[in-house]
Amino acid sequence: MGFWREEIIDPALDQQTRLSMEEQMAWIAREPHNARPYYQLALLYRMQWRQEEALGLLLESVRLDPGLSEAHCSLAEIYGVRKDYPAAWRHARAAQRNGSSAGVELLARYGIPETLGGSG
C-alpha cells in the first residue's frame, strides 16, 4: 500500500486541496466581505494542520458574519484544544444562538468546563 499511498493517492489529494484553496482565495478576492470563503479556506488549512492560519480565517469569517454557526463551531474546537475554555464556550454559545448545538455538545461531551465569561 506504501507505493499507492505515497506515489498516487497523497499527491492527488494534495493537488486537489491546492486547487480548492486557490478557488477559495479567488472567491475572497472577488468578494472580500463574504464570510463563506474565509470559512471554507480555514477548513482546508485545518486539514493541512495549519491551525494558526485557520484560526485567523475563522475569526475573520465570524467578524464578517457573526451568525455563521459553522465557523463558531470550528472556533470552539480550536479553542477547546488550546484549553482556552472561555473562548471555546463563547463560540459554542454563539453557534448555538445561530442554530447549531454541535459546539456545545462537543465541549460538554469532553467535560470542558464552562467558565466565567464562557456564555457571552
C-alpha atoms as a PDB file:
ATOM      1  CA  MET A   1       0.000   0.000   0.000  1.00  0.00           C
ATOM      2  CA  GLY A   2       3.001   2.317   0.546  1.00  0.00           C
ATOM      3  CA  PHE A   3       3.578   2.926  -3.159  1.00  0.00           C
ATOM      4  CA  TRP A   4      -0.071   3.658  -3.938  1.00  0.00           C
ATOM      5  CA  ARG A   5      -0.431   5.940  -0.964  1.00  0.00           C
ATOM      6  CA  GLU A   6       2.851   7.822  -1.388  1.00  0.00           C
ATOM      7  CA  GLU A   7       3.024   7.952  -5.185  1.00  0.00           C
ATOM      8  CA  ILE A   8      -0.616   8.135  -6.288  1.00  0.00           C
ATOM      9  CA  ILE A   9      -3.149   8.925  -3.564  1.00  0.00           C
ATOM     10  CA  ASP A  10      -1.340  11.585  -1.491  1.00  0.00           C
ATOM     11  CA  PRO A  11      -0.141  13.661  -4.478  1.00  0.00           C
ATOM     12  CA  ALA A  12      -3.618  13.604  -5.999  1.00  0.00           C
ATOM     13  CA  LEU A  13      -5.179  14.724  -2.723  1.00  0.00           C
ATOM     14  CA  ASP A  14      -2.549  17.437  -2.281  1.00  0.00           C
ATOM     15  CA  GLN A  15      -3.185  18.743  -5.786  1.00  0.00           C
ATOM     16  CA  GLN A  16      -6.955  18.798  -5.253  1.00  0.00           C
ATOM     17  CA  THR A  17      -6.506  20.590  -1.927  1.00  0.00           C
ATOM     18  CA  ARG A  18      -4.272  23.209  -3.570  1.00  0.00           C
ATOM     19  CA  LEU A  19      -6.845  23.757  -6.309  1.00  0.00           C
ATOM     20  CA  SER A  20      -9.615  24.106  -3.735  1.00  0.00           C
ATOM     21  CA  MET A  21      -7.520  26.609  -1.770  1.00  0.00           C
ATOM     22  CA  GLU A  22      -6.893  28.650  -4.912  1.00  0.00           C
ATOM     23  CA  GLU A  23     -10.641  28.691  -5.613  1.00  0.00           C
ATOM     24  CA  GLN A  24     -11.378  29.993  -2.125  1.00  0.00           C
ATOM     25  CA  MET A  25      -8.668  32.662  -2.376  1.00  0.00           C
ATOM     26  CA  ALA A  26     -10.070  33.801  -5.728  1.00  0.00           C
ATOM     27  CA  TRP A  27     -13.549  33.968  -4.149  1.00  0.00           C
ATOM     28  CA  ILE A  28     -12.158  36.098  -1.308  1.00  0.00           C
ATOM     29  CA  ALA A  29     -10.531  38.409  -3.872  1.00  0.00           C
ATOM     30  CA  ARG A  30     -13.874  38.791  -5.684  1.00  0.00           C
ATOM     31  CA  GLU A  31     -15.996  39.108  -2.541  1.00  0.00           C
ATOM     32  CA  PRO A  32     -13.816  40.229   0.382  1.00  0.00           C
ATOM     33  CA  HIS A  33     -16.855  40.916   2.565  1.00  0.00           C
ATOM     34  CA  ASN A  34     -18.318  37.422   2.160  1.00  0.00           C
ATOM     35  CA  ALA A  35     -17.630  35.241   5.215  1.00  0.00           C
ATOM     36  CA  ARG A  36     -18.186  31.892   3.487  1.00  0.00           C
ATOM     37  CA  PRO A  37     -14.893  31.600   1.521  1.00  0.00           C
ATOM     38  CA  TYR A  38     -12.884  32.525   4.629  1.00  0.00           C
ATOM     39  CA  TYR A  39     -14.604  29.674   6.449  1.00  0.00           C
ATOM     40  CA  GLN A  40     -14.067  27.228   3.575  1.00  0.00           C
ATOM     41  CA  LEU A  41     -10.385  28.158   3.272  1.00  0.00           C
ATOM     42  CA  ALA A  42      -9.977  27.709   7.028  1.00  0.00           C
ATOM     43  CA  LEU A  43     -11.290  24.149   6.725  1.00  0.00           C
ATOM     44  CA  LEU A  44      -8.668  23.399   4.097  1.00  0.00           C
ATOM     45  CA  TYR A  45      -5.923  24.866   6.286  1.00  0.00           C
ATOM     46  CA  ARG A  46      -7.112  22.763   9.216  1.00  0.00           C
ATOM     47  CA  MET A  47      -6.830  19.644   7.039  1.00  0.00           C
ATOM     48  CA  GLN A  48      -3.182  20.572   6.495  1.00  0.00           C
ATOM     49  CA  TRP A  49      -2.543  21.137  10.219  1.00  0.00           C
ATOM     50  CA  ARG A  50      -2.103  24.873   9.632  1.00  0.00           C
ATOM     51  CA  GLN A  51      -4.085  25.841  12.716  1.00  0.00           C
ATOM     52  CA  GLU A  52      -2.812  29.416  13.126  1.00  0.00           C
ATOM     53  CA  GLU A  53      -3.839  30.368   9.596  1.00  0.00           C
ATOM     54  CA  ALA A  54      -7.163  28.596  10.041  1.00  0.00           C
ATOM     55  CA  LEU A  55      -7.785  30.446  13.297  1.00  0.00           C
ATOM     56  CA  GLY A  56      -7.236  33.827  11.641  1.00  0.00           C
ATOM     57  CA  LEU A  57      -9.553  32.967   8.763  1.00  0.00           C
ATOM     58  CA  LEU A  58     -12.262  31.709  11.106  1.00  0.00           C
ATOM     59  CA  LEU A  59     -12.064  34.860  13.215  1.00  0.00           C
ATOM     60  CA  GLU A  60     -12.392  36.941  10.058  1.00  0.00           C
ATOM     61  CA  SER A  61     -15.378  34.888   8.921  1.00  0.00           C
ATOM     62  CA  VAL A  62     -17.288  35.474  12.181  1.00  0.00           C
ATOM     63  CA  ARG A  63     -16.314  39.147  12.135  1.00  0.00           C
ATOM     64  CA  LEU A  64     -17.891  39.424   8.694  1.00  0.00           C
ATOM     65  CA  ASP A  65     -20.890  37.252   9.585  1.00  0.00           C
ATOM     66  CA  PRO A  66     -21.467  36.788  13.333  1.00  0.00           C
ATOM     67  CA  GLY A  67     -24.287  34.355  12.511  1.00  0.00           C
ATOM     68  CA  LEU A  68     -22.077  31.817  10.711  1.00  0.00           C
ATOM     69  CA  SER A  69     -22.576  28.972  13.158  1.00  0.00           C
ATOM     70  CA  GLU A  70     -20.231  26.553  11.390  1.00  0.00           C
ATOM     71  CA  ALA A  71     -17.316  28.936  11.873  1.00  0.00           C
ATOM     72  CA  HIS A  72     -18.200  29.416  15.536  1.00  0.00           C
ATOM     73  CA  CYS A  73     -18.229  25.609  15.990  1.00  0.00           C
ATOM     74  CA  SER A  74     -14.793  25.340  14.393  1.00  0.00           C
ATOM     75  CA  LEU A  75     -13.516  28.087  16.668  1.00  0.00           C
ATOM     76  CA  ALA A  76     -14.949  26.261  19.687  1.00  0.00           C
ATOM     77  CA  GLU A  77     -12.996  23.156  18.631  1.00  0.00           C
ATOM     78  CA  ILE A  78      -9.724  25.032  18.153  1.00  0.00           C
ATOM     79  CA  TYR A  79     -10.017  26.953  21.415  1.00  0.00           C
ATOM     80  CA  GLY A  80     -11.031  23.783  23.246  1.00  0.00           C
ATOM     81  CA  VAL A  81      -7.870  22.016  22.073  1.00  0.00           C
ATOM     82  CA  ARG A  82      -5.830  25.047  23.144  1.00  0.00           C
ATOM     83  CA  LYS A  83      -7.513  24.916  26.567  1.00  0.00           C
ATOM     84  CA  ASP A  84      -8.828  28.453  26.128  1.00  0.00           C
ATOM     85  CA  TYR A  85     -12.134  27.368  27.577  1.00  0.00           C
ATOM     86  CA  PRO A  86     -13.779  30.792  27.891  1.00  0.00           C
ATOM     87  CA  ALA A  87     -13.190  31.419  24.175  1.00  0.00           C
ATOM     88  CA  ALA A  88     -14.319  27.891  23.301  1.00  0.00           C
ATOM     89  CA  TRP A  89     -17.577  28.352  25.186  1.00  0.00           C
ATOM     90  CA  ARG A  90     -18.149  31.860  23.754  1.00  0.00           C
ATOM     91  CA  HIS A  91     -18.016  30.458  20.240  1.00  0.00           C
ATOM     92  CA  ALA A  92     -20.001  27.335  21.127  1.00  0.00           C
ATOM     93  CA  ARG A  93     -22.767  29.514  22.575  1.00  0.00           C
ATOM     94  CA  ALA A  94     -22.639  31.871  19.556  1.00  0.00           C
ATOM     95  CA  ALA A  95     -23.089  28.844  17.287  1.00  0.00           C
ATOM     96  CA  GLN A  96     -25.963  27.648  19.450  1.00  0.00           C
ATOM     97  CA  ARG A  97     -27.693  31.038  19.222  1.00  0.00           C
ATOM     98  CA  ASN A  98     -27.411  30.731  15.457  1.00  0.00           C
ATOM     99  CA  GLY A  99     -28.855  27.254  15.162  1.00  0.00           C
ATOM    100  CA  SER A 100     -26.047  24.767  15.788  1.00  0.00           C
ATOM    101  CA  SER A 101     -25.592  22.988  19.105  1.00  0.00           C
ATOM    102  CA  ALA A 102     -22.603  20.955  17.838  1.00  0.00           C
ATOM    103  CA  GLY A 103     -20.018  23.093  19.656  1.00  0.00           C
ATOM    104  CA  VAL A 104     -21.865  22.961  22.977  1.00  0.00           C
ATOM    105  CA  GLU A 105     -22.357  19.207  22.615  1.00  0.00           C
ATOM    106  CA  LEU A 106     -18.672  18.684  21.823  1.00  0.00           C
ATOM    107  CA  LEU A 107     -17.440  20.695  24.790  1.00  0.00           C
ATOM    108  CA  ALA A 108     -19.935  19.054  27.140  1.00  0.00           C
ATOM    109  CA  ARG A 109     -19.071  15.550  25.850  1.00  0.00           C
ATOM    110  CA  TYR A 110     -15.401  16.107  26.674  1.00  0.00           C
ATOM    111  CA  GLY A 111     -16.191  17.633  30.048  1.00  0.00           C
ATOM    112  CA  ILE A 112     -14.765  21.030  29.206  1.00  0.00           C
ATOM    113  CA  PRO A 113     -15.918  23.364  31.958  1.00  0.00           C
ATOM    114  CA  GLU A 114     -17.992  26.393  31.108  1.00  0.00           C
ATOM    115  CA  THR A 115     -16.008  29.030  32.959  1.00  0.00           C
ATOM    116  CA  LEU A 116     -16.753  32.659  33.731  1.00  0.00           C
ATOM    117  CA  GLY A 117     -17.201  34.629  30.551  1.00  0.00           C
ATOM    118  CA  GLY A 118     -17.853  31.451  28.569  1.00  0.00           C
ATOM    119  CA  SER A 119     -21.501  32.125  27.857  1.00  0.00           C
ATOM    120  CA  GLY A 120     -21.253  35.603  26.323  1.00  0.00           C
END
